[in-house]
Amino acid sequence: MATLVKTDGQVVEDYDVSSLEKLQEAVGGYIQIVTVDREMCLVVNEEGLLMGLEQNIWASMIAGSIIVGDVIYMKRNEIR
């Protein structure tokens, strides 16, 4: 049920989040979990701001703060 949302607006439905490596590959580095609500979260690049990644407009609107880089939007209970 996870969705990869790229900074260029491209959306990949049913993204495979079966391992830490797949999460890291999707966001391009170490991950950080940003809680959206009781059920959903964003997986983001922990060092995205330091790396100067482009702002992800969609994710920033969902989170209510500046989010950069590609993100995974997923249910919190999917995190392993």
PDB file of N, CA and C in Angstrom:
ATOM      1  N   MET A   1       0.818  -1.198   0.000  1.00  0.00           N
ATOM      2  CA  MET A   1       0.000   0.000   0.000  1.00  0.00           C
ATOM      3  C   MET A   1       0.861   1.260   0.000  1.00  0.00           C
ATOM      4  N   ALA A   2       2.158   1.120   0.060  1.00  0.00           N
ATOM      5  CA  ALA A   2       3.051   2.280   0.096  1.00  0.00           C
ATOM      6  C   ALA A   2       3.127   2.943  -1.273  1.00  0.00           C
ATOM      7  N   THR A   3       3.331   4.261  -1.245  1.00  0.00           N
ATOM      8  CA  THR A   3       3.415   5.038  -2.472  1.00  0.00           C
ATOM      9  C   THR A   3       4.694   5.866  -2.448  1.00  0.00           C
ATOM     10  N   LEU A   4       5.472   5.768  -3.506  1.00  0.00           N
ATOM     11  CA  LEU A   4       6.671   6.592  -3.660  1.00  0.00           C
ATOM     12  C   LEU A   4       6.261   7.863  -4.395  1.00  0.00           C
ATOM     13  N   VAL A   5       6.561   9.025  -3.786  1.00  0.00           N
ATOM     14  CA  VAL A   5       6.241  10.314  -4.399  1.00  0.00           C
ATOM     15  C   VAL A   5       7.552  11.055  -4.618  1.00  0.00           C
ATOM     16  N   LYS A   6       7.904  11.245  -5.882  1.00  0.00           N
ATOM     17  CA  LYS A   6       9.160  11.905  -6.229  1.00  0.00           C
ATOM     18  C   LYS A   6       8.984  13.413  -6.303  1.00  0.00           C
ATOM     19  N   THR A   7      10.078  14.131  -6.188  1.00  0.00           N
ATOM     20  CA  THR A   7      10.022  15.597  -6.209  1.00  0.00           C
ATOM     21  C   THR A   7       9.523  16.129  -7.545  1.00  0.00           C
ATOM     22  N   ASP A   8       9.682  15.364  -8.622  1.00  0.00           N
ATOM     23  CA  ASP A   8       9.220  15.822  -9.937  1.00  0.00           C
ATOM     24  C   ASP A   8       7.733  15.547 -10.161  1.00  0.00           C
ATOM     25  N   GLY A   9       7.059  15.013  -9.128  1.00  0.00           N
ATOM     26  CA  GLY A   9       5.632  14.743  -9.222  1.00  0.00           C
ATOM     27  C   GLY A   9       5.287  13.329  -9.627  1.00  0.00           C
ATOM     28  N   GLN A  10       6.274  12.546 -10.030  1.00  0.00           N
ATOM     29  CA  GLN A  10       6.019  11.159 -10.415  1.00  0.00           C
ATOM     30  C   GLN A  10       5.580  10.363  -9.188  1.00  0.00           C
ATOM     31  N   VAL A  11       4.567   9.518  -9.362  1.00  0.00           N
ATOM     32  CA  VAL A  11       4.023   8.706  -8.275  1.00  0.00           C
ATOM     33  C   VAL A  11       4.116   7.240  -8.668  1.00  0.00           C
ATOM     34  N   VAL A  12       4.662   6.417  -7.770  1.00  0.00           N
ATOM     35  CA  VAL A  12       4.769   4.979  -7.993  1.00  0.00           C
ATOM     36  C   VAL A  12       3.923   4.290  -6.929  1.00  0.00           C
ATOM     37  N   GLU A  13       2.788   3.741  -7.342  1.00  0.00           N
ATOM     38  CA  GLU A  13       1.881   3.045  -6.428  1.00  0.00           C
ATOM     39  C   GLU A  13       2.439   1.668  -6.069  1.00  0.00           C
ATOM     40  N   ASP A  14       2.002   1.147  -4.939  1.00  0.00           N
ATOM     41  CA  ASP A  14       2.380  -0.197  -4.471  1.00  0.00           C
ATOM     42  C   ASP A  14       3.893  -0.397  -4.444  1.00  0.00           C
ATOM     43  N   TYR A  15       4.606   0.585  -3.915  1.00  0.00           N
ATOM     44  CA  TYR A  15       6.065   0.505  -3.840  1.00  0.00           C
ATOM     45  C   TYR A  15       6.466  -0.539  -2.799  1.00  0.00           C
ATOM     46  N   ASP A  16       7.464  -1.336  -3.114  1.00  0.00           N
ATOM     47  CA  ASP A  16       7.939  -2.409  -2.237  1.00  0.00           C
ATOM     48  C   ASP A  16       8.719  -1.825  -1.059  1.00  0.00           C
ATOM     49  N   VAL A  17       8.192  -2.021   0.149  1.00  0.00           N
ATOM     50  CA  VAL A  17       8.848  -1.503   1.367  1.00  0.00           C
ATOM     51  C   VAL A  17       9.206  -2.655   2.304  1.00  0.00           C
ATOM     52  N   SER A  18       9.592  -3.779   1.720  1.00  0.00           N
ATOM     53  CA  SER A  18       9.820  -4.990   2.500  1.00  0.00           C
ATOM     54  C   SER A  18      11.134  -5.021   3.274  1.00  0.00           C
ATOM     55  N   SER A  19      12.011  -4.034   3.052  1.00  0.00           N
ATOM     56  CA  SER A  19      13.279  -4.040   3.785  1.00  0.00           C
ATOM     57  C   SER A  19      13.803  -2.614   3.973  1.00  0.00           C
ATOM     58  N   LEU A  20      14.681  -2.465   4.924  1.00  0.00           N
ATOM     59  CA  LEU A  20      15.324  -1.177   5.169  1.00  0.00           C
ATOM     60  C   LEU A  20      16.079  -0.717   3.927  1.00  0.00           C
ATOM     61  N   GLU A  21      16.730  -1.631   3.248  1.00  0.00           N
ATOM     62  CA  GLU A  21      17.493  -1.294   2.049  1.00  0.00           C
ATOM     63  C   GLU A  21      16.605  -0.688   0.969  1.00  0.00           C
ATOM     64  N   LYS A  22      15.404  -1.216   0.809  1.00  0.00           N
ATOM     65  CA  LYS A  22      14.476  -0.688  -0.204  1.00  0.00           C
ATOM     66  C   LYS A  22      14.007   0.713   0.167  1.00  0.00           C
ATOM     67  N   LEU A  23      13.779   0.963   1.463  1.00  0.00           N
ATOM     68  CA  LEU A  23      13.405   2.300   1.921  1.00  0.00           C
ATOM     69  C   LEU A  23      14.537   3.288   1.671  1.00  0.00           C
ATOM     70  N   GLN A  24      15.761   2.889   2.018  1.00  0.00           N
ATOM     71  CA  GLN A  24      16.920   3.755   1.822  1.00  0.00           C
ATOM     72  C   GLN A  24      17.166   4.034   0.349  1.00  0.00           C
ATOM     73  N   GLU A  25      16.993   3.031  -0.479  1.00  0.00           N
ATOM     74  CA  GLU A  25      17.175   3.210  -1.925  1.00  0.00           C
ATOM     75  C   GLU A  25      16.169   4.225  -2.472  1.00  0.00           C
ATOM     76  N   ALA A  26      14.938   4.147  -1.998  1.00  0.00           N
ATOM     77  CA  ALA A  26      13.885   5.030  -2.496  1.00  0.00           C
ATOM     78  C   ALA A  26      14.141   6.492  -2.160  1.00  0.00           C
ATOM     79  N   VAL A  27      14.650   6.759  -0.937  1.00  0.00           N
ATOM     80  CA  VAL A  27      14.859   8.149  -0.514  1.00  0.00           C
ATOM     81  C   VAL A  27      16.294   8.613  -0.712  1.00  0.00           C
ATOM     82  N   GLY A  28      17.176   7.717  -1.093  1.00  0.00           N
ATOM     83  CA  GLY A  28      18.550   8.093  -1.403  1.00  0.00           C
ATOM     84  C   GLY A  28      19.458   8.269  -0.213  1.00  0.00           C
ATOM     85  N   GLY A  29      19.222   7.525   0.857  1.00  0.00           N
ATOM     86  CA  GLY A  29      20.101   7.616   2.018  1.00  0.00           C
ATOM     87  C   GLY A  29      19.415   7.125   3.279  1.00  0.00           C
ATOM     88  N   TYR A  30      19.984   7.555   4.421  1.00  0.00           N
ATOM     89  CA  TYR A  30      19.407   7.174   5.707  1.00  0.00           C
ATOM     90  C   TYR A  30      17.975   7.684   5.805  1.00  0.00           C
ATOM     91  N   ILE A  31      17.117   6.907   6.481  1.00  0.00           N
ATOM     92  CA  ILE A  31      15.709   7.281   6.540  1.00  0.00           C
ATOM     93  C   ILE A  31      15.347   7.961   7.853  1.00  0.00           C
ATOM     94  N   GLN A  32      14.294   8.746   7.781  1.00  0.00           N
ATOM     95  CA  GLN A  32      13.666   9.346   8.947  1.00  0.00           C
ATOM     96  C   GLN A  32      12.165   9.192   8.745  1.00  0.00           C
ATOM     97  N   ILE A  33      11.456   8.878   9.825  1.00  0.00           N
ATOM     98  CA  ILE A  33      10.010   8.712   9.768  1.00  0.00           C
ATOM     99  C   ILE A  33       9.356  10.009  10.234  1.00  0.00           C
ATOM    100  N   VAL A  34       8.448  10.536   9.430  1.00  0.00           N
ATOM    101  CA  VAL A  34       7.679  11.734   9.773  1.00  0.00           C
ATOM    102  C   VAL A  34       6.226  11.301   9.915  1.00  0.00           C
ATOM    103  N   THR A  35       5.681  11.412  11.121  1.00  0.00           N
ATOM    104  CA  THR A  35       4.305  11.020  11.369  1.00  0.00           C
ATOM    105  C   THR A  35       3.352  12.032  10.741  1.00  0.00           C
ATOM    106  N   VAL A  36       2.379  11.537   9.992  1.00  0.00           N
ATOM    107  CA  VAL A  36       1.374  12.388   9.355  1.00  0.00           C
ATOM    108  C   VAL A  36       0.104  12.404  10.205  1.00  0.00           C
ATOM    109  N   ASP A  37      -0.356  11.218  10.602  1.00  0.00           N
ATOM    110  CA  ASP A  37      -1.512  11.093  11.489  1.00  0.00           C
ATOM    111  C   ASP A  37      -1.414   9.733  12.184  1.00  0.00           C
ATOM    112  N   ARG A  38      -2.503   9.289  12.807  1.00  0.00           N
ATOM    113  CA  ARG A  38      -2.453   8.038  13.575  1.00  0.00           C
ATOM    114  C   ARG A  38      -2.132   6.823  12.718  1.00  0.00           C
ATOM    115  N   GLU A  39      -2.451   6.873  11.440  1.00  0.00           N
ATOM    116  CA  GLU A  39      -2.250   5.711  10.577  1.00  0.00           C
ATOM    117  C   GLU A  39      -1.118   5.850   9.567  1.00  0.00           C
ATOM    118  N   MET A  40      -0.837   7.070   9.131  1.00  0.00           N
ATOM    119  CA  MET A  40       0.074   7.263   8.004  1.00  0.00           C
ATOM    120  C   MET A  40       1.356   7.985   8.408  1.00  0.00           C
ATOM    121  N   CYS A  41       2.404   7.758   7.633  1.00  0.00           N
ATOM    122  CA  CYS A  41       3.680   8.430   7.854  1.00  0.00           C
ATOM    123  C   CYS A  41       4.378   8.644   6.516  1.00  0.00           C
ATOM    124  N   LEU A  42       5.399   9.458   6.552  1.00  0.00           N
ATOM    125  CA  LEU A  42       6.282   9.666   5.419  1.00  0.00           C
ATOM    126  C   LEU A  42       7.650   9.123   5.786  1.00  0.00           C
ATOM    127  N   VAL A  43       8.285   8.433   4.873  1.00  0.00           N
ATOM    128  CA  VAL A  43       9.680   8.035   5.037  1.00  0.00           C
ATOM    129  C   VAL A  43      10.478   8.991   4.164  1.00  0.00           C
ATOM    130  N   VAL A  44      11.398   9.725   4.798  1.00  0.00           N
ATOM    131  CA  VAL A  44      12.155  10.759   4.099  1.00  0.00           C
ATOM    132  C   VAL A  44      13.650  10.522   4.277  1.00  0.00           C
ATOM    133  N   ASN A  45      14.446  11.251   3.505  1.00  0.00           N
ATOM    134  CA  ASN A  45      15.901  11.195   3.638  1.00  0.00           C
ATOM    135  C   ASN A  45      16.295  12.048   4.853  1.00  0.00           C
ATOM    136  N   GLU A  46      16.905  11.406   5.832  1.00  0.00           N
ATOM    137  CA  GLU A  46      17.286  12.066   7.081  1.00  0.00           C
ATOM    138  C   GLU A  46      18.212  13.267   6.856  1.00  0.00           C
ATOM    139  N   GLU A  47      19.050  13.201   5.851  1.00  0.00           N
ATOM    140  CA  GLU A  47      20.026  14.261   5.590  1.00  0.00           C
ATOM    141  C   GLU A  47      19.671  15.087   4.360  1.00  0.00           C
ATOM    142  N   GLY A  48      18.416  15.016   3.935  1.00  0.00           N
ATOM    143  CA  GLY A  48      17.983  15.685   2.716  1.00  0.00           C
ATOM    144  C   GLY A  48      18.251  17.181   2.687  1.00  0.00           C
ATOM    145  N   LEU A  49      18.005  17.873   3.800  1.00  0.00           N
ATOM    146  CA  LEU A  49      18.266  19.315   3.847  1.00  0.00           C
ATOM    147  C   LEU A  49      19.756  19.602   3.716  1.00  0.00           C
ATOM    148  N   LEU A  50      20.573  18.814   4.418  1.00  0.00           N
ATOM    149  CA  LEU A  50      22.032  18.999   4.345  1.00  0.00           C
ATOM    150  C   LEU A  50      22.568  18.717   2.947  1.00  0.00           C
ATOM    151  N   MET A  51      21.908  17.797   2.250  1.00  0.00           N
ATOM    152  CA  MET A  51      22.334  17.423   0.896  1.00  0.00           C
ATOM    153  C   MET A  51      21.814  18.399  -0.158  1.00  0.00           C
ATOM    154  N   GLY A  52      20.935  19.308   0.251  1.00  0.00           N
ATOM    155  CA  GLY A  52      20.391  20.285  -0.683  1.00  0.00           C
ATOM    156  C   GLY A  52      19.377  19.696  -1.654  1.00  0.00           C
ATOM    157  N   LEU A  53      18.650  18.669  -1.213  1.00  0.00           N
ATOM    158  CA  LEU A  53      17.655  18.063  -2.092  1.00  0.00           C
ATOM    159  C   LEU A  53      16.510  19.041  -2.348  1.00  0.00           C
ATOM    160  N   GLU A  54      15.880  18.876  -3.495  1.00  0.00           N
ATOM    161  CA  GLU A  54      14.766  19.723  -3.909  1.00  0.00           C
ATOM    162  C   GLU A  54      13.550  19.492  -3.003  1.00  0.00           C
ATOM    163  N   GLN A  55      12.789  20.550  -2.754  1.00  0.00           N
ATOM    164  CA  GLN A  55      11.600  20.428  -1.923  1.00  0.00           C
ATOM    165  C   GLN A  55      10.556  19.555  -2.607  1.00  0.00           C
ATOM    166  N   ASN A  56       9.936  18.698  -1.822  1.00  0.00           N
ATOM    167  CA  ASN A  56       8.843  17.870  -2.301  1.00  0.00           C
ATOM    168  C   ASN A  56       7.558  18.588  -1.882  1.00  0.00           C
ATOM    169  N   ILE A  57       6.935  19.285  -2.826  1.00  0.00           N
ATOM    170  CA  ILE A  57       5.777  20.131  -2.540  1.00  0.00           C
ATOM    171  C   ILE A  57       4.629  19.310  -1.950  1.00  0.00           C
ATOM    172  N   TRP A  58       4.317  18.176  -2.556  1.00  0.00           N
ATOM    173  CA  TRP A  58       3.211  17.350  -2.072  1.00  0.00           C
ATOM    174  C   TRP A  58       3.460  16.903  -0.634  1.00  0.00           C
ATOM    175  N   ALA A  59       4.650  16.371  -0.358  1.00  0.00           N
ATOM    176  CA  ALA A  59       4.961  15.880   0.986  1.00  0.00           C
ATOM    177  C   ALA A  59       4.972  17.019   2.002  1.00  0.00           C
ATOM    178  N   SER A  60       5.446  18.185   1.595  1.00  0.00           N
ATOM    179  CA  SER A  60       5.459  19.340   2.491  1.00  0.00           C
ATOM    180  C   SER A  60       4.041  19.742   2.881  1.00  0.00           C
ATOM    181  N   MET A  61       3.113  19.688   1.939  1.00  0.00           N
ATOM    182  CA  MET A  61       1.715  20.020   2.235  1.00  0.00           C
ATOM    183  C   MET A  61       1.115  18.986   3.192  1.00  0.00           C
ATOM    184  N   ILE A  62       1.409  17.726   2.989  1.00  0.00           N
ATOM    185  CA  ILE A  62       0.880  16.658   3.847  1.00  0.00           C
ATOM    186  C   ILE A  62       1.445  16.763   5.267  1.00  0.00           C
ATOM    187  N   ALA A  63       2.739  17.041   5.383  1.00  0.00           N
ATOM    188  CA  ALA A  63       3.412  17.080   6.685  1.00  0.00           C
ATOM    189  C   ALA A  63       3.227  18.396   7.421  1.00  0.00           C
ATOM    190  N   GLY A  64       2.923  19.465   6.697  1.00  0.00           N
ATOM    191  CA  GLY A  64       2.797  20.773   7.332  1.00  0.00           C
ATOM    192  C   GLY A  64       4.133  21.398   7.669  1.00  0.00           C
ATOM    193  N   SER A  65       5.188  20.903   7.041  1.00  0.00           N
ATOM    194  CA  SER A  65       6.543  21.464   7.191  1.00  0.00           C
ATOM    195  C   SER A  65       7.328  21.137   5.934  1.00  0.00           C
ATOM    196  N   ILE A  66       8.493  21.746   5.794  1.00  0.00           N
ATOM    197  CA  ILE A  66       9.284  21.538   4.584  1.00  0.00           C
ATOM    198  C   ILE A  66       9.867  20.124   4.566  1.00  0.00           C
ATOM    199  N   ILE A  67       9.564  19.409   3.503  1.00  0.00           N
ATOM    200  CA  ILE A  67      10.092  18.067   3.264  1.00  0.00           C
ATOM    201  C   ILE A  67      10.814  18.114   1.927  1.00  0.00           C
ATOM    202  N   VAL A  68      12.000  17.531   1.887  1.00  0.00           N
ATOM    203  CA  VAL A  68      12.786  17.536   0.653  1.00  0.00           C
ATOM    204  C   VAL A  68      13.043  16.114   0.177  1.00  0.00           C
ATOM    205  N   GLY A  69      13.261  15.988  -1.114  1.00  0.00           N
ATOM    206  CA  GLY A  69      13.612  14.705  -1.706  1.00  0.00           C
ATOM    207  C   GLY A  69      12.409  13.813  -1.947  1.00  0.00           C
ATOM    208  N   ASP A  70      12.689  12.664  -2.515  1.00  0.00           N
ATOM    209  CA  ASP A  70      11.656  11.664  -2.756  1.00  0.00           C
ATOM    210  C   ASP A  70      11.208  11.087  -1.423  1.00  0.00           C
ATOM    211  N   VAL A  71       9.931  10.758  -1.309  1.00  0.00           N
ATOM    212  CA  VAL A  71       9.383  10.234  -0.056  1.00  0.00           C
ATOM    213  C   VAL A  71       8.528   9.011  -0.321  1.00  0.00           C
ATOM    214  N   ILE A  72       8.343   8.230   0.721  1.00  0.00           N
ATOM    215  CA  ILE A  72       7.410   7.115   0.688  1.00  0.00           C
ATOM    216  C   ILE A  72       6.283   7.444   1.649  1.00  0.00           C
ATOM    217  N   TYR A  73       5.054   7.393   1.146  1.00  0.00           N
ATOM    218  CA  TYR A  73       3.858   7.616   1.946  1.00  0.00           C
ATOM    219  C   TYR A  73       3.293   6.246   2.245  1.00  0.00           C
ATOM    220  N   MET A  74       3.184   5.902   3.529  1.00  0.00           N
ATOM    221  CA  MET A  74       2.786   4.539   3.876  1.00  0.00           C
ATOM    222  C   MET A  74       2.102   4.478   5.227  1.00  0.00           C
ATOM    223  N   LYS A  75       1.457   3.367   5.492  1.00  0.00           N
ATOM    224  CA  LYS A  75       0.856   3.131   6.800  1.00  0.00           C
ATOM    225  C   LYS A  75       1.965   2.883   7.822  1.00  0.00           C
ATOM    226  N   ARG A  76       1.772   3.419   9.008  1.00  0.00           N
ATOM    227  CA  ARG A  76       2.792   3.260  10.048  1.00  0.00           C
ATOM    228  C   ARG A  76       3.033   1.804  10.393  1.00  0.00           C
ATOM    229  N   ASN A  77       1.984   0.976  10.344  1.00  0.00           N
ATOM    230  CA  ASN A  77       2.147  -0.439  10.704  1.00  0.00           C
ATOM    231  C   ASN A  77       2.860  -1.262   9.631  1.00  0.00           C
ATOM    232  N   GLU A  78       3.176  -0.666   8.485  1.00  0.00           N
ATOM    233  CA  GLU A  78       3.935  -1.358   7.442  1.00  0.00           C
ATOM    234  C   GLU A  78       5.442  -1.316   7.707  1.00  0.00           C
ATOM    235  N   ILE A  79       5.870  -0.443   8.607  1.00  0.00           N
ATOM    236  CA  ILE A  79       7.306  -0.318   8.895  1.00  0.00           C
ATOM    237  C   ILE A  79       7.758  -1.559   9.658  1.00  0.00           C
ATOM    238  N   ARG A  80       8.818  -2.165   9.171  1.00  0.00           N
ATOM    239  CA  ARG A  80       9.330  -3.390   9.802  1.00  0.00           C
ATOM    240  C   ARG A  80      10.628  -3.130  10.494  1.00  0.00           C
TER     241      ARG A  80
END
